[in-house]
């Protein structure tokens, strides 16, 4: 395969704006009371869907470093089949998945209704911004073929 253009290097000013957006989204999550560990699980779930190996590795390590259990990380791809996640966390995961898969049915009313029933407006906003940012990072890393080596 031909070497890809590294978007971080070819457009450093744009890349810095994504970093700033990420910082602001992380700040919104903290202000909404969403733990850093769970925020990495949300990022990890979107990255799994997008098959972004670079971000999967990064957010797995970050989630574990922030105190998330190995079990929660291990079952994340099948979270709906477990009892590891609270109703609030389930609503957040569902919302991140719907935004990540936005071309498949947009964000269904049922998903948004579940979010409203379990999350505050501040939490919903922060989670939606997180989904926008991680999907941006996934697209940067995947299209640039960021290396994932042992």
C-alpha atoms as a PDB file:
ATOM      1  CA  UNK A   1       0.000   0.000   0.000  1.00  0.00           C
ATOM      2  CA  UNK A   2       1.206   3.504  -0.800  1.00  0.00           C
ATOM      3  CA  UNK A   3       2.194   5.732   2.083  1.00  0.00           C
ATOM      4  CA  UNK A   4      -0.626   8.027   3.160  1.00  0.00           C
ATOM      5  CA  UNK A   5      -0.517  11.728   3.844  1.00  0.00           C
ATOM      6  CA  UNK A   6      -0.348  12.321   7.580  1.00  0.00           C
ATOM      7  CA  UNK A   7      -3.113  14.872   8.186  1.00  0.00           C
ATOM      8  CA  UNK A   8      -1.527  16.027  11.430  1.00  0.00           C
ATOM      9  CA  UNK A   9       1.640  16.967   9.599  1.00  0.00           C
ATOM     10  CA  UNK A  10       0.094  18.247   6.371  1.00  0.00           C
ATOM     11  CA  UNK A  11      -2.393  20.525   8.122  1.00  0.00           C
ATOM     12  CA  UNK A  12      -0.932  21.406  11.505  1.00  0.00           C
ATOM     13  CA  UNK A  13      -3.231  24.398  12.067  1.00  0.00           C
ATOM     14  CA  UNK A  14      -6.310  22.264  11.424  1.00  0.00           C
ATOM     15  CA  UNK A  15      -4.918  19.492  13.609  1.00  0.00           C
ATOM     16  CA  UNK A  16      -4.410  21.965  16.463  1.00  0.00           C
ATOM     17  CA  UNK A  17      -8.059  23.031  16.166  1.00  0.00           C
ATOM     18  CA  UNK A  18      -9.147  19.397  16.564  1.00  0.00           C
ATOM     19  CA  UNK A  19      -6.924  19.158  19.653  1.00  0.00           C
ATOM     20  CA  UNK A  20      -8.629  22.265  21.047  1.00  0.00           C
ATOM     21  CA  UNK A  21     -12.072  20.836  20.253  1.00  0.00           C
ATOM     22  CA  UNK A  22     -11.054  17.640  22.051  1.00  0.00           C
ATOM     23  CA  UNK A  23      -9.932  19.639  25.081  1.00  0.00           C
ATOM     24  CA  UNK A  24     -13.238  21.526  25.185  1.00  0.00           C
ATOM     25  CA  UNK A  25     -15.261  18.321  24.822  1.00  0.00           C
ATOM     26  CA  UNK A  26     -13.265  16.704  27.644  1.00  0.00           C
ATOM     27  CA  UNK A  27     -13.906  19.752  29.806  1.00  0.00           C
ATOM     28  CA  UNK A  28     -17.651  19.516  29.063  1.00  0.00           C
ATOM     29  CA  UNK A  29     -17.622  15.854  30.127  1.00  0.00           C
ATOM     30  CA  UNK A  30     -15.932  16.696  33.420  1.00  0.00           C
ATOM     31  CA  UNK A  31     -18.358  19.574  34.035  1.00  0.00           C
ATOM     32  CA  UNK A  32     -21.259  17.204  33.349  1.00  0.00           C
ATOM     33  CA  UNK A  33     -19.927  14.765  35.951  1.00  0.00           C
ATOM     34  CA  UNK A  34     -18.940  12.013  33.532  1.00  0.00           C
ATOM     35  CA  UNK A  35     -15.901  10.186  34.855  1.00  0.00           C
ATOM     36  CA  UNK A  36     -12.711  10.227  32.836  1.00  0.00           C
ATOM     37  CA  UNK A  37     -12.576   6.432  32.793  1.00  0.00           C
ATOM     38  CA  UNK A  38     -16.077   6.105  31.361  1.00  0.00           C
ATOM     39  CA  UNK A  39     -15.359   8.865  28.841  1.00  0.00           C
ATOM     40  CA  UNK A  40     -12.551   6.674  27.505  1.00  0.00           C
ATOM     41  CA  UNK A  41     -14.985   3.753  27.229  1.00  0.00           C
ATOM     42  CA  UNK A  42     -17.267   5.974  25.136  1.00  0.00           C
ATOM     43  CA  UNK A  43     -14.314   6.930  22.923  1.00  0.00           C
ATOM     44  CA  UNK A  44     -13.268   3.288  22.747  1.00  0.00           C
ATOM     45  CA  UNK A  45     -16.735   2.147  21.663  1.00  0.00           C
ATOM     46  CA  UNK A  46     -16.878   4.626  18.781  1.00  0.00           C
ATOM     47  CA  UNK A  47     -13.339   3.632  17.781  1.00  0.00           C
ATOM     48  CA  UNK A  48     -14.313  -0.062  17.777  1.00  0.00           C
ATOM     49  CA  UNK A  49     -17.226   0.664  15.452  1.00  0.00           C
ATOM     50  CA  UNK A  50     -14.955   2.708  13.170  1.00  0.00           C
ATOM     51  CA  UNK A  51     -12.231   0.039  13.332  1.00  0.00           C
ATOM     52  CA  UNK A  52      -9.595   2.604  14.288  1.00  0.00           C
ATOM     53  CA  UNK A  53      -6.798   0.471  15.709  1.00  0.00           C
ATOM     54  CA  UNK A  54      -4.752   3.481  16.833  1.00  0.00           C
ATOM     55  CA  UNK A  55      -7.623   4.897  18.917  1.00  0.00           C
ATOM     56  CA  UNK A  56      -8.738   1.471  20.159  1.00  0.00           C
ATOM     57  CA  UNK A  57      -5.299   0.846  21.634  1.00  0.00           C
ATOM     58  CA  UNK A  58      -5.043   4.386  23.029  1.00  0.00           C
ATOM     59  CA  UNK A  59      -8.448   4.473  24.729  1.00  0.00           C
ATOM     60  CA  UNK A  60      -8.148   0.926  26.061  1.00  0.00           C
ATOM     61  CA  UNK A  61      -4.925   1.935  27.788  1.00  0.00           C
ATOM     62  CA  UNK A  62      -6.416   5.232  28.964  1.00  0.00           C
ATOM     63  CA  UNK A  63      -9.582   3.584  30.333  1.00  0.00           C
ATOM     64  CA  UNK A  64      -7.519   1.076  32.304  1.00  0.00           C
ATOM     65  CA  UNK A  65      -5.176   3.792  33.569  1.00  0.00           C
ATOM     66  CA  UNK A  66      -8.209   5.768  34.794  1.00  0.00           C
ATOM     67  CA  UNK A  67      -9.470   2.834  36.835  1.00  0.00           C
ATOM     68  CA  UNK A  68     -11.919   1.152  34.475  1.00  0.00           C
ATOM     69  CA  UNK A  69     -11.943  -2.603  35.020  1.00  0.00           C
ATOM     70  CA  UNK A  70     -10.499  -5.040  32.530  1.00  0.00           C
ATOM     71  CA  UNK A  71     -13.893  -6.757  32.501  1.00  0.00           C
ATOM     72  CA  UNK A  72     -15.749  -3.597  31.394  1.00  0.00           C
ATOM     73  CA  UNK A  73     -13.170  -2.987  28.686  1.00  0.00           C
ATOM     74  CA  UNK A  74     -13.316  -6.636  27.574  1.00  0.00           C
ATOM     75  CA  UNK A  75     -17.106  -6.756  27.208  1.00  0.00           C
ATOM     76  CA  UNK A  76     -17.534  -3.314  25.677  1.00  0.00           C
ATOM     77  CA  UNK A  77     -18.215  -4.619  22.165  1.00  0.00           C
ATOM     78  CA  UNK A  78     -21.105  -6.638  23.605  1.00  0.00           C
ATOM     79  CA  UNK A  79     -22.171  -4.206  26.337  1.00  0.00           C
ATOM     80  CA  UNK A  80     -25.886  -4.737  25.630  1.00  0.00           C
ATOM     81  CA  UNK A  81     -25.495  -8.386  26.651  1.00  0.00           C
ATOM     82  CA  UNK A  82     -23.990  -7.587  30.059  1.00  0.00           C
ATOM     83  CA  UNK A  83     -24.958  -6.127  33.402  1.00  0.00           C
ATOM     84  CA  UNK A  84     -21.689  -4.190  33.697  1.00  0.00           C
ATOM     85  CA  UNK A  85     -23.232  -0.836  32.809  1.00  0.00           C
ATOM     86  CA  UNK A  86     -25.803   1.291  34.631  1.00  0.00           C
ATOM     87  CA  UNK A  87     -28.913   2.605  32.835  1.00  0.00           C
ATOM     88  CA  UNK A  88     -27.194   6.000  32.572  1.00  0.00           C
ATOM     89  CA  UNK A  89     -24.064   4.443  31.035  1.00  0.00           C
ATOM     90  CA  UNK A  90     -26.181   2.329  28.690  1.00  0.00           C
ATOM     91  CA  UNK A  91     -27.990   5.454  27.452  1.00  0.00           C
ATOM     92  CA  UNK A  92     -24.616   7.158  26.892  1.00  0.00           C
ATOM     93  CA  UNK A  93     -23.221   4.169  24.988  1.00  0.00           C
ATOM     94  CA  UNK A  94     -26.367   3.946  22.862  1.00  0.00           C
ATOM     95  CA  UNK A  95     -26.125   7.652  22.012  1.00  0.00           C
ATOM     96  CA  UNK A  96     -22.440   7.426  21.055  1.00  0.00           C
ATOM     97  CA  UNK A  97     -23.155   4.400  18.876  1.00  0.00           C
ATOM     98  CA  UNK A  98     -26.067   6.147  17.124  1.00  0.00           C
ATOM     99  CA  UNK A  99     -23.976   9.233  16.394  1.00  0.00           C
ATOM    100  CA  UNK A 100     -21.082   7.087  15.180  1.00  0.00           C
ATOM    101  CA  UNK A 101     -23.464   5.191  12.881  1.00  0.00           C
ATOM    102  CA  UNK A 102     -25.372   8.346  11.883  1.00  0.00           C
ATOM    103  CA  UNK A 103     -25.693   7.229   8.245  1.00  0.00           C
ATOM    104  CA  UNK A 104     -27.782   4.271   9.466  1.00  0.00           C
ATOM    105  CA  UNK A 105     -31.076   5.768  10.602  1.00  0.00           C
ATOM    106  CA  UNK A 106     -29.680   9.082  11.837  1.00  0.00           C
ATOM    107  CA  UNK A 107     -30.026   9.270  15.634  1.00  0.00           C
ATOM    108  CA  UNK A 108     -33.296   7.402  16.209  1.00  0.00           C
ATOM    109  CA  UNK A 109     -35.960   9.017  18.396  1.00  0.00           C
ATOM    110  CA  UNK A 110     -35.940   5.955  20.668  1.00  0.00           C
ATOM    111  CA  UNK A 111     -32.221   6.417  21.378  1.00  0.00           C
ATOM    112  CA  UNK A 112     -32.680  10.108  22.117  1.00  0.00           C
ATOM    113  CA  UNK A 113     -35.715   9.376  24.310  1.00  0.00           C
ATOM    114  CA  UNK A 114     -33.634   6.905  26.314  1.00  0.00           C
ATOM    115  CA  UNK A 115     -30.923   9.541  26.676  1.00  0.00           C
ATOM    116  CA  UNK A 116     -33.429  12.145  27.933  1.00  0.00           C
ATOM    117  CA  UNK A 117     -34.854   9.655  30.427  1.00  0.00           C
ATOM    118  CA  UNK A 118     -31.444   8.767  31.886  1.00  0.00           C
ATOM    119  CA  UNK A 119     -29.144  11.735  31.347  1.00  0.00           C
ATOM    120  CA  UNK A 120     -29.209  15.449  32.082  1.00  0.00           C
ATOM    121  CA  UNK A 121     -29.166  17.964  29.243  1.00  0.00           C
ATOM    122  CA  UNK A 122     -25.573  18.792  30.194  1.00  0.00           C
ATOM    123  CA  UNK A 123     -24.588  15.114  30.005  1.00  0.00           C
ATOM    124  CA  UNK A 124     -26.325  14.636  26.638  1.00  0.00           C
ATOM    125  CA  UNK A 125     -24.589  17.679  25.188  1.00  0.00           C
ATOM    126  CA  UNK A 126     -21.177  16.580  26.481  1.00  0.00           C
ATOM    127  CA  UNK A 127     -21.660  13.033  25.154  1.00  0.00           C
ATOM    128  CA  UNK A 128     -22.757  14.300  21.754  1.00  0.00           C
ATOM    129  CA  UNK A 129     -19.675  16.550  21.534  1.00  0.00           C
ATOM    130  CA  UNK A 130     -17.490  13.627  22.605  1.00  0.00           C
ATOM    131  CA  UNK A 131     -18.986  11.539  19.784  1.00  0.00           C
ATOM    132  CA  UNK A 132     -18.303  14.301  17.254  1.00  0.00           C
ATOM    133  CA  UNK A 133     -14.690  14.611  18.406  1.00  0.00           C
ATOM    134  CA  UNK A 134     -13.811  10.908  18.586  1.00  0.00           C
ATOM    135  CA  UNK A 135     -15.346  10.293  15.188  1.00  0.00           C
ATOM    136  CA  UNK A 136     -13.184  13.135  13.861  1.00  0.00           C
ATOM    137  CA  UNK A 137     -10.068  11.576  15.411  1.00  0.00           C
ATOM    138  CA  UNK A 138     -10.993   8.150  14.022  1.00  0.00           C
ATOM    139  CA  UNK A 139     -11.274   9.588  10.529  1.00  0.00           C
ATOM    140  CA  UNK A 140      -7.931  11.375  10.841  1.00  0.00           C
ATOM    141  CA  UNK A 141      -6.140   8.257  12.101  1.00  0.00           C
ATOM    142  CA  UNK A 142      -7.763   5.781   9.707  1.00  0.00           C
ATOM    143  CA  UNK A 143      -7.392   7.877   6.563  1.00  0.00           C
ATOM    144  CA  UNK A 144      -3.764   8.713   7.458  1.00  0.00           C
ATOM    145  CA  UNK A 145      -3.100   5.056   8.422  1.00  0.00           C
ATOM    146  CA  UNK A 146      -1.542   5.963  11.753  1.00  0.00           C
ATOM    147  CA  UNK A 147       0.807   3.079  12.565  1.00  0.00           C
ATOM    148  CA  UNK A 148      -0.093   0.531  15.191  1.00  0.00           C
ATOM    149  CA  UNK A 149       2.940  -1.616  15.859  1.00  0.00           C
ATOM    150  CA  UNK A 150       3.917  -3.962  18.654  1.00  0.00           C
END
